[in-house]
């Protein structure tokens, strides 16, 4: 049973086609299951962030409102970040499209979370720095994933070639 299923979906705005012939199938409960799994780490991350913030800026107390907003916003952020991993299961999406969608949703989620909690001052320079650090970090993570995957693929191909040669020589 699918929660979302599209066949040959096309969406146009004026003369611009933004989605062209998309076939999409997401199993019922998949986004929710992944989101709930990731969301559970929100309060732990919040505790670490507040601990670091207290050490660096000398705050001694937090208001109940600050703690509640922090816990709720980080829980929502964890839910979105974990749930968005379902985008990689959509085999019809090219990998770069999936990575781009994932990156944009994560950026917006983190950006809003930081603004809501007051961790990011409003202004051109702080927002630009946040964006640059986010994009560089996101790219660095994907370069690491690419290198590890490439190395493992080469190792598997080597093993397969050895097995294939062994079978041929019998």
N, C-alpha and C. Protein backbone atom coordinates (compact mmCIF):
# COMPACT_ATOMS: atom_id res chain seq x y z
N UNK A 1 0.85 -1.18 0.00
CA UNK A 1 0.00 0.00 0.00
C UNK A 1 0.89 1.24 0.00
N UNK A 2 0.59 2.17 -0.88
CA UNK A 2 1.39 3.39 -1.00
C UNK A 2 0.68 4.57 -0.35
N UNK A 3 1.47 5.40 0.34
CA UNK A 3 0.93 6.64 0.88
C UNK A 3 0.85 7.68 -0.23
N UNK A 4 1.86 7.66 -1.10
CA UNK A 4 1.91 8.58 -2.23
C UNK A 4 2.29 7.78 -3.46
N UNK A 5 1.53 7.96 -4.52
CA UNK A 5 1.88 7.28 -5.77
C UNK A 5 1.47 8.20 -6.92
N UNK A 6 2.42 8.46 -7.80
CA UNK A 6 2.11 9.25 -9.00
C UNK A 6 2.57 8.48 -10.22
N UNK A 7 1.86 8.67 -11.30
CA UNK A 7 2.24 8.07 -12.57
C UNK A 7 2.26 9.17 -13.62
N UNK A 8 3.44 9.38 -14.19
CA UNK A 8 3.58 10.35 -15.27
C UNK A 8 3.12 11.76 -14.87
N UNK A 9 3.48 12.17 -13.64
CA UNK A 9 3.09 13.49 -13.13
C UNK A 9 3.92 14.58 -13.79
N UNK A 10 3.25 15.59 -14.31
CA UNK A 10 3.91 16.74 -14.91
C UNK A 10 3.31 18.00 -14.31
N UNK A 11 4.17 18.95 -13.93
CA UNK A 11 3.70 20.22 -13.37
C UNK A 11 4.39 21.35 -14.11
N UNK A 12 3.58 22.30 -14.57
CA UNK A 12 4.10 23.46 -15.29
C UNK A 12 3.63 24.74 -14.61
N UNK A 13 4.50 25.73 -14.62
CA UNK A 13 4.15 27.08 -14.19
C UNK A 13 4.39 27.98 -15.39
N UNK A 14 3.33 28.52 -15.91
CA UNK A 14 3.38 29.30 -17.15
C UNK A 14 3.96 28.40 -18.24
N UNK A 15 5.11 28.77 -18.80
CA UNK A 15 5.73 27.97 -19.86
C UNK A 15 6.88 27.11 -19.36
N UNK A 16 7.09 27.07 -18.04
CA UNK A 16 8.22 26.34 -17.48
C UNK A 16 7.74 25.03 -16.87
N UNK A 17 8.32 23.93 -17.33
CA UNK A 17 8.00 22.61 -16.77
C UNK A 17 8.94 22.37 -15.60
N UNK A 18 8.38 22.22 -14.40
CA UNK A 18 9.22 22.01 -13.21
C UNK A 18 9.30 20.53 -12.83
N UNK A 19 8.27 19.76 -13.19
CA UNK A 19 8.29 18.32 -12.99
C UNK A 19 7.79 17.71 -14.29
N UNK A 20 8.57 16.76 -14.80
CA UNK A 20 8.21 16.18 -16.09
C UNK A 20 8.15 14.66 -15.98
N UNK A 21 6.97 14.10 -16.10
CA UNK A 21 6.75 12.65 -16.15
C UNK A 21 7.33 11.92 -14.94
N UNK A 22 6.99 12.37 -13.74
CA UNK A 22 7.51 11.77 -12.51
C UNK A 22 6.65 10.58 -12.10
N UNK A 23 7.29 9.44 -11.91
CA UNK A 23 6.65 8.26 -11.33
C UNK A 23 7.21 8.12 -9.92
N UNK A 24 6.33 8.12 -8.93
CA UNK A 24 6.76 8.17 -7.53
C UNK A 24 5.92 7.19 -6.71
N UNK A 25 6.58 6.40 -5.87
CA UNK A 25 5.89 5.49 -4.97
C UNK A 25 6.57 5.54 -3.61
N UNK A 26 5.81 5.95 -2.58
CA UNK A 26 6.32 5.97 -1.21
C UNK A 26 5.42 5.08 -0.38
N UNK A 27 6.01 4.09 0.25
CA UNK A 27 5.25 3.15 1.05
C UNK A 27 4.54 3.87 2.20
N UNK A 28 3.38 3.39 2.55
CA UNK A 28 2.60 3.97 3.63
C UNK A 28 3.41 3.87 4.94
N UNK A 29 3.57 4.97 5.63
CA UNK A 29 4.25 5.01 6.91
C UNK A 29 5.76 5.18 6.83
N UNK A 30 6.35 5.18 5.64
CA UNK A 30 7.81 5.24 5.51
C UNK A 30 8.37 6.58 6.02
N UNK A 31 7.79 7.69 5.56
CA UNK A 31 8.28 9.00 6.00
C UNK A 31 8.08 9.15 7.50
N UNK A 32 6.90 8.75 7.99
CA UNK A 32 6.60 8.86 9.42
C UNK A 32 7.54 8.00 10.25
N UNK A 33 7.79 6.76 9.82
CA UNK A 33 8.67 5.87 10.57
C UNK A 33 10.08 6.44 10.67
N UNK A 34 10.61 6.89 9.55
CA UNK A 34 11.97 7.45 9.56
C UNK A 34 12.02 8.75 10.37
N UNK A 35 10.99 9.56 10.22
CA UNK A 35 10.95 10.83 10.95
C UNK A 35 10.91 10.63 12.45
N UNK A 36 10.08 9.69 12.90
CA UNK A 36 9.98 9.44 14.34
C UNK A 36 11.28 8.87 14.90
N UNK A 37 11.97 8.07 14.12
CA UNK A 37 13.25 7.51 14.56
C UNK A 37 14.27 8.64 14.76
N UNK A 38 14.37 9.54 13.81
CA UNK A 38 15.34 10.64 13.90
C UNK A 38 14.96 11.69 14.92
N UNK A 39 13.67 11.92 15.09
CA UNK A 39 13.18 12.95 15.99
C UNK A 39 13.58 12.68 17.42
N UNK A 40 13.74 11.46 17.79
CA UNK A 40 14.02 11.13 19.17
C UNK A 40 15.36 11.67 19.65
N UNK A 41 16.24 12.02 18.75
CA UNK A 41 17.54 12.57 19.14
C UNK A 41 17.49 14.08 19.36
N UNK A 42 16.41 14.74 19.01
CA UNK A 42 16.28 16.19 19.14
C UNK A 42 16.60 16.73 20.52
N UNK A 43 15.98 16.21 21.57
CA UNK A 43 16.28 16.72 22.90
C UNK A 43 17.74 16.54 23.31
N UNK A 44 18.35 15.43 22.89
CA UNK A 44 19.77 15.22 23.21
C UNK A 44 20.64 16.26 22.51
N UNK A 45 20.37 16.51 21.23
CA UNK A 45 21.12 17.53 20.49
C UNK A 45 20.91 18.89 21.14
N UNK A 46 19.67 19.19 21.54
CA UNK A 46 19.38 20.47 22.19
C UNK A 46 20.18 20.62 23.47
N UNK A 47 20.23 19.56 24.27
CA UNK A 47 20.98 19.62 25.52
C UNK A 47 22.45 19.93 25.26
N UNK A 48 23.03 19.28 24.25
CA UNK A 48 24.44 19.52 23.90
C UNK A 48 24.64 20.97 23.43
N UNK A 49 23.74 21.45 22.56
CA UNK A 49 23.85 22.83 22.07
C UNK A 49 23.74 23.84 23.20
N UNK A 50 22.77 23.65 24.09
CA UNK A 50 22.62 24.58 25.21
C UNK A 50 23.81 24.51 26.15
N UNK A 51 24.37 23.31 26.35
CA UNK A 51 25.55 23.17 27.19
C UNK A 51 26.72 23.95 26.60
N UNK A 52 26.95 23.79 25.30
CA UNK A 52 28.03 24.52 24.62
C UNK A 52 27.76 26.02 24.67
N UNK A 53 26.52 26.40 24.41
CA UNK A 53 26.15 27.83 24.43
C UNK A 53 26.38 28.42 25.82
N UNK A 54 26.01 27.67 26.86
CA UNK A 54 26.20 28.16 28.23
C UNK A 54 27.68 28.33 28.55
N UNK A 55 28.51 27.38 28.09
CA UNK A 55 29.94 27.45 28.35
C UNK A 55 30.60 28.63 27.65
N UNK A 56 30.15 28.93 26.43
CA UNK A 56 30.78 29.98 25.63
C UNK A 56 30.27 31.38 25.97
N UNK A 57 28.99 31.51 26.32
CA UNK A 57 28.44 32.85 26.49
C UNK A 57 28.11 33.20 27.94
N UNK A 58 28.26 32.26 28.81
CA UNK A 58 28.05 32.54 30.22
C UNK A 58 26.60 32.62 30.66
N UNK A 59 25.65 32.04 29.91
CA UNK A 59 24.27 32.05 30.38
C UNK A 59 24.18 31.09 31.57
N UNK A 60 23.42 31.46 32.53
CA UNK A 60 23.26 30.59 33.69
C UNK A 60 21.87 29.96 33.73
N UNK A 61 20.89 30.61 33.12
CA UNK A 61 19.54 30.04 33.13
C UNK A 61 18.89 30.20 31.76
N UNK A 62 17.95 29.33 31.51
CA UNK A 62 17.12 29.42 30.30
C UNK A 62 15.67 29.51 30.75
N UNK A 63 14.88 30.24 30.01
CA UNK A 63 13.46 30.31 30.34
C UNK A 63 12.77 29.02 29.89
N UNK A 64 11.63 28.76 30.47
CA UNK A 64 10.85 27.60 30.07
C UNK A 64 10.50 27.69 28.59
N UNK A 65 10.18 28.89 28.12
CA UNK A 65 9.85 29.09 26.71
C UNK A 65 11.02 28.72 25.81
N UNK A 66 12.23 29.14 26.18
CA UNK A 66 13.41 28.83 25.36
C UNK A 66 13.64 27.32 25.27
N UNK A 67 13.48 26.63 26.38
CA UNK A 67 13.68 25.18 26.40
C UNK A 67 12.60 24.48 25.57
N UNK A 68 11.34 24.90 25.75
CA UNK A 68 10.23 24.28 24.99
C UNK A 68 10.39 24.51 23.49
N UNK A 69 10.68 25.75 23.11
CA UNK A 69 10.86 26.04 21.68
C UNK A 69 12.03 25.24 21.13
N UNK A 70 13.11 25.14 21.90
CA UNK A 70 14.27 24.38 21.47
C UNK A 70 13.96 22.90 21.27
N UNK A 71 13.28 22.30 22.25
CA UNK A 71 12.95 20.88 22.15
C UNK A 71 12.01 20.62 20.97
N UNK A 72 10.97 21.44 20.85
CA UNK A 72 10.00 21.23 19.77
C UNK A 72 10.66 21.45 18.40
N UNK A 73 11.42 22.54 18.26
CA UNK A 73 12.02 22.83 16.96
C UNK A 73 13.06 21.78 16.57
N UNK A 74 13.85 21.29 17.52
CA UNK A 74 14.83 20.25 17.18
C UNK A 74 14.15 18.90 16.93
N UNK A 75 13.03 18.65 17.60
CA UNK A 75 12.29 17.42 17.30
C UNK A 75 11.73 17.47 15.89
N UNK A 76 11.19 18.62 15.50
CA UNK A 76 10.67 18.78 14.13
C UNK A 76 11.82 18.66 13.13
N UNK A 77 12.96 19.30 13.44
CA UNK A 77 14.13 19.22 12.56
C UNK A 77 14.59 17.77 12.39
N UNK A 78 14.68 17.03 13.49
CA UNK A 78 15.07 15.62 13.42
C UNK A 78 14.09 14.79 12.62
N UNK A 79 12.80 15.08 12.79
CA UNK A 79 11.76 14.38 12.05
C UNK A 79 11.91 14.62 10.55
N UNK A 80 12.10 15.88 10.18
CA UNK A 80 12.25 16.22 8.76
C UNK A 80 13.52 15.63 8.18
N UNK A 81 14.64 15.80 8.91
CA UNK A 81 15.93 15.30 8.40
C UNK A 81 15.91 13.79 8.21
N UNK A 82 15.35 13.07 9.15
CA UNK A 82 15.29 11.60 9.02
C UNK A 82 14.29 11.17 7.96
N UNK A 83 13.15 11.82 7.95
CA UNK A 83 12.13 11.47 6.97
C UNK A 83 12.55 11.75 5.55
N UNK A 84 13.38 12.78 5.36
CA UNK A 84 13.81 13.14 4.01
C UNK A 84 14.70 12.08 3.38
N UNK A 85 15.26 11.18 4.17
CA UNK A 85 16.09 10.13 3.60
C UNK A 85 15.30 9.21 2.67
N UNK A 86 13.98 9.27 2.77
CA UNK A 86 13.14 8.47 1.88
C UNK A 86 13.32 8.90 0.43
N UNK A 87 13.79 10.12 0.20
CA UNK A 87 13.97 10.62 -1.17
C UNK A 87 14.98 9.76 -1.94
N UNK A 88 15.90 9.11 -1.24
CA UNK A 88 16.89 8.28 -1.92
C UNK A 88 16.33 6.92 -2.32
N UNK A 89 15.15 6.58 -1.82
CA UNK A 89 14.53 5.32 -2.20
C UNK A 89 13.70 5.48 -3.47
N UNK A 90 13.57 6.67 -3.93
CA UNK A 90 12.79 6.91 -5.14
C UNK A 90 13.68 6.66 -6.34
N UNK A 91 13.61 5.47 -6.86
CA UNK A 91 14.53 5.07 -7.92
C UNK A 91 14.34 5.86 -9.21
N UNK A 92 13.18 6.48 -9.37
CA UNK A 92 12.95 7.23 -10.59
C UNK A 92 13.69 8.58 -10.58
N UNK A 93 14.07 9.05 -9.41
CA UNK A 93 14.78 10.33 -9.33
C UNK A 93 16.26 10.12 -9.59
N UNK A 94 16.85 10.92 -10.47
CA UNK A 94 18.31 10.87 -10.62
C UNK A 94 18.97 11.25 -9.28
N UNK A 95 20.12 10.68 -9.01
CA UNK A 95 20.78 10.90 -7.72
C UNK A 95 21.01 12.38 -7.43
N UNK A 96 21.46 13.14 -8.42
CA UNK A 96 21.72 14.57 -8.17
C UNK A 96 20.45 15.33 -7.85
N UNK A 97 19.32 14.94 -8.43
CA UNK A 97 18.04 15.58 -8.10
C UNK A 97 17.68 15.25 -6.66
N UNK A 98 17.83 13.98 -6.26
CA UNK A 98 17.53 13.57 -4.89
C UNK A 98 18.43 14.30 -3.89
N UNK A 99 19.72 14.39 -4.20
CA UNK A 99 20.67 15.09 -3.32
C UNK A 99 20.30 16.57 -3.21
N UNK A 100 19.92 17.18 -4.32
CA UNK A 100 19.54 18.59 -4.32
C UNK A 100 18.28 18.83 -3.49
N UNK A 101 17.27 17.99 -3.69
CA UNK A 101 16.04 18.12 -2.89
C UNK A 101 16.35 17.95 -1.41
N UNK A 102 17.11 16.91 -1.09
CA UNK A 102 17.49 16.64 0.30
C UNK A 102 18.24 17.82 0.90
N UNK A 103 19.22 18.34 0.17
CA UNK A 103 20.01 19.46 0.66
C UNK A 103 19.18 20.72 0.88
N UNK A 104 18.28 21.02 -0.05
CA UNK A 104 17.46 22.23 0.08
C UNK A 104 16.50 22.12 1.28
N UNK A 105 15.88 20.95 1.43
CA UNK A 105 14.96 20.78 2.57
C UNK A 105 15.73 20.85 3.89
N UNK A 106 16.90 20.22 3.96
CA UNK A 106 17.70 20.30 5.18
C UNK A 106 18.13 21.73 5.46
N UNK A 107 18.58 22.45 4.43
CA UNK A 107 19.02 23.83 4.62
C UNK A 107 17.87 24.68 5.19
N UNK A 108 16.71 24.58 4.57
CA UNK A 108 15.57 25.38 5.03
C UNK A 108 15.20 24.99 6.46
N UNK A 109 15.22 23.69 6.76
CA UNK A 109 14.87 23.22 8.11
C UNK A 109 15.85 23.75 9.15
N UNK A 110 17.14 23.63 8.87
CA UNK A 110 18.15 24.13 9.81
C UNK A 110 18.06 25.65 9.94
N UNK A 111 17.91 26.33 8.82
CA UNK A 111 17.84 27.78 8.82
C UNK A 111 16.69 28.28 9.70
N UNK A 112 15.51 27.71 9.49
CA UNK A 112 14.34 28.11 10.29
C UNK A 112 14.54 27.77 11.75
N UNK A 113 15.09 26.57 12.03
CA UNK A 113 15.34 26.17 13.42
C UNK A 113 16.29 27.14 14.11
N UNK A 114 17.36 27.52 13.43
CA UNK A 114 18.32 28.45 14.01
C UNK A 114 17.70 29.82 14.23
N UNK A 115 16.87 30.28 13.30
CA UNK A 115 16.22 31.58 13.47
C UNK A 115 15.21 31.56 14.61
N UNK A 116 14.39 30.51 14.67
CA UNK A 116 13.36 30.41 15.72
C UNK A 116 13.99 30.39 17.10
N UNK A 117 15.12 29.71 17.25
CA UNK A 117 15.77 29.60 18.55
C UNK A 117 16.70 30.77 18.87
N UNK A 118 16.88 31.67 17.91
CA UNK A 118 17.76 32.81 18.15
C UNK A 118 19.24 32.46 18.11
N UNK A 119 19.58 31.32 17.51
CA UNK A 119 20.98 30.91 17.42
C UNK A 119 21.69 31.58 16.26
N UNK A 120 20.93 32.15 15.33
CA UNK A 120 21.50 32.80 14.15
C UNK A 120 20.99 34.24 14.12
N UNK A 121 21.89 35.20 14.31
CA UNK A 121 21.45 36.60 14.25
C UNK A 121 20.96 36.94 12.86
N UNK A 122 19.93 37.77 12.81
CA UNK A 122 19.42 38.21 11.50
C UNK A 122 20.37 39.26 10.95
N UNK A 123 20.72 39.08 9.71
CA UNK A 123 21.64 40.00 9.05
C UNK A 123 22.32 39.30 7.90
N UNK A 124 22.83 40.10 6.97
CA UNK A 124 23.42 39.54 5.75
C UNK A 124 24.63 38.66 6.05
N UNK A 125 25.56 39.13 6.86
CA UNK A 125 26.81 38.39 7.12
C UNK A 125 26.55 37.08 7.87
N UNK A 126 25.79 37.08 8.97
CA UNK A 126 25.56 35.79 9.64
C UNK A 126 24.83 34.77 8.76
N UNK A 127 23.85 35.23 8.00
CA UNK A 127 23.10 34.32 7.14
C UNK A 127 23.99 33.80 6.01
N UNK A 128 24.82 34.66 5.46
CA UNK A 128 25.75 34.24 4.41
C UNK A 128 26.75 33.22 4.95
N UNK A 129 27.30 33.48 6.14
CA UNK A 129 28.24 32.53 6.74
C UNK A 129 27.56 31.19 7.03
N UNK A 130 26.35 31.25 7.57
CA UNK A 130 25.59 30.02 7.83
C UNK A 130 25.41 29.23 6.54
N UNK A 131 25.03 29.92 5.48
CA UNK A 131 24.80 29.27 4.19
C UNK A 131 26.08 28.65 3.64
N UNK A 132 27.17 29.40 3.70
CA UNK A 132 28.46 28.89 3.19
C UNK A 132 28.90 27.66 3.98
N UNK A 133 28.82 27.73 5.32
CA UNK A 133 29.22 26.59 6.14
C UNK A 133 28.32 25.38 5.89
N UNK A 134 27.03 25.62 5.73
CA UNK A 134 26.11 24.51 5.47
C UNK A 134 26.43 23.85 4.13
N UNK A 135 26.57 24.66 3.09
CA UNK A 135 26.84 24.11 1.75
C UNK A 135 28.19 23.38 1.74
N UNK A 136 29.22 23.97 2.33
CA UNK A 136 30.54 23.31 2.37
C UNK A 136 30.47 22.00 3.15
N UNK A 137 29.78 22.01 4.29
CA UNK A 137 29.63 20.78 5.07
C UNK A 137 28.87 19.72 4.32
N UNK A 138 27.80 20.12 3.66
CA UNK A 138 26.97 19.17 2.90
C UNK A 138 27.78 18.57 1.76
N UNK A 139 28.52 19.40 1.05
CA UNK A 139 29.36 18.90 -0.05
C UNK A 139 30.46 17.98 0.48
N UNK A 140 31.07 18.37 1.60
CA UNK A 140 32.13 17.54 2.18
C UNK A 140 31.61 16.16 2.56
N UNK A 141 30.43 16.11 3.15
CA UNK A 141 29.84 14.82 3.51
C UNK A 141 29.61 13.97 2.27
N UNK A 142 29.10 14.58 1.20
CA UNK A 142 28.84 13.81 -0.02
C UNK A 142 30.12 13.39 -0.72
N UNK A 143 31.18 14.18 -0.63
CA UNK A 143 32.48 13.77 -1.20
C UNK A 143 33.01 12.56 -0.44
N UNK A 144 32.88 12.59 0.89
CA UNK A 144 33.33 11.45 1.70
C UNK A 144 32.52 10.20 1.35
N UNK A 145 31.20 10.35 1.26
CA UNK A 145 30.35 9.20 0.89
C UNK A 145 30.74 8.67 -0.49
N UNK A 146 30.97 9.57 -1.43
CA UNK A 146 31.36 9.17 -2.79
C UNK A 146 32.67 8.38 -2.77
N UNK A 147 33.68 8.90 -2.05
CA UNK A 147 34.98 8.23 -2.01
C UNK A 147 34.89 6.85 -1.37
N UNK A 148 34.14 6.75 -0.28
CA UNK A 148 33.98 5.45 0.39
C UNK A 148 33.25 4.47 -0.53
N UNK A 149 32.18 4.93 -1.16
CA UNK A 149 31.41 4.07 -2.06
C UNK A 149 32.26 3.63 -3.25
N UNK A 150 33.04 4.54 -3.80
CA UNK A 150 33.90 4.21 -4.94
C UNK A 150 34.94 3.16 -4.55
N UNK A 151 35.52 3.31 -3.36
CA UNK A 151 36.52 2.35 -2.89
C UNK A 151 35.89 0.98 -2.67
N UNK A 152 34.72 0.95 -2.03
CA UNK A 152 34.05 -0.34 -1.78
C UNK A 152 33.61 -0.99 -3.08
N UNK A 153 33.15 -0.20 -4.02
CA UNK A 153 32.74 -0.73 -5.32
C UNK A 153 33.95 -1.35 -6.04
N UNK A 154 35.08 -0.67 -5.99
CA UNK A 154 36.29 -1.21 -6.63
C UNK A 154 36.69 -2.53 -5.97
N UNK A 155 36.59 -2.60 -4.63
CA UNK A 155 36.92 -3.84 -3.93
C UNK A 155 35.98 -4.98 -4.33
N UNK A 156 34.68 -4.68 -4.39
CA UNK A 156 33.70 -5.70 -4.80
C UNK A 156 33.93 -6.15 -6.24
N UNK A 157 34.23 -5.21 -7.12
CA UNK A 157 34.50 -5.56 -8.52
C UNK A 157 35.73 -6.46 -8.62
N UNK A 158 36.73 -6.19 -7.82
CA UNK A 158 37.94 -7.01 -7.82
C UNK A 158 37.62 -8.44 -7.37
N UNK A 159 36.82 -8.56 -6.32
CA UNK A 159 36.42 -9.88 -5.82
C UNK A 159 35.60 -10.62 -6.88
N UNK A 160 34.68 -9.91 -7.52
CA UNK A 160 33.85 -10.53 -8.56
C UNK A 160 34.69 -10.99 -9.75
N UNK A 161 35.68 -10.17 -10.15
CA UNK A 161 36.55 -10.57 -11.25
C UNK A 161 37.35 -11.81 -10.90
N UNK A 162 37.85 -11.86 -9.66
CA UNK A 162 38.60 -13.05 -9.21
C UNK A 162 37.72 -14.29 -9.24
N UNK A 163 36.50 -14.17 -8.75
CA UNK A 163 35.57 -15.30 -8.77
C UNK A 163 35.21 -15.70 -10.19
N UNK A 164 35.03 -14.73 -11.05
CA UNK A 164 34.70 -15.01 -12.45
C UNK A 164 35.86 -15.73 -13.12
N UNK A 165 37.08 -15.30 -12.87
CA UNK A 165 38.26 -15.96 -13.44
C UNK A 165 38.42 -17.38 -12.91
N UNK A 166 38.11 -17.56 -11.63
CA UNK A 166 38.19 -18.90 -11.02
C UNK A 166 37.19 -19.83 -11.68
N UNK A 167 35.98 -19.36 -11.95
CA UNK A 167 34.94 -20.17 -12.58
C UNK A 167 35.35 -20.51 -14.02
N UNK A 168 35.91 -19.55 -14.74
CA UNK A 168 36.34 -19.78 -16.13
C UNK A 168 37.47 -20.81 -16.20
N UNK A 169 38.37 -20.78 -15.22
CA UNK A 169 39.53 -21.67 -15.24
C UNK A 169 39.19 -23.10 -14.86
N UNK A 170 37.98 -23.34 -14.33
CA UNK A 170 37.60 -24.71 -13.93
C UNK A 170 37.24 -25.54 -15.08
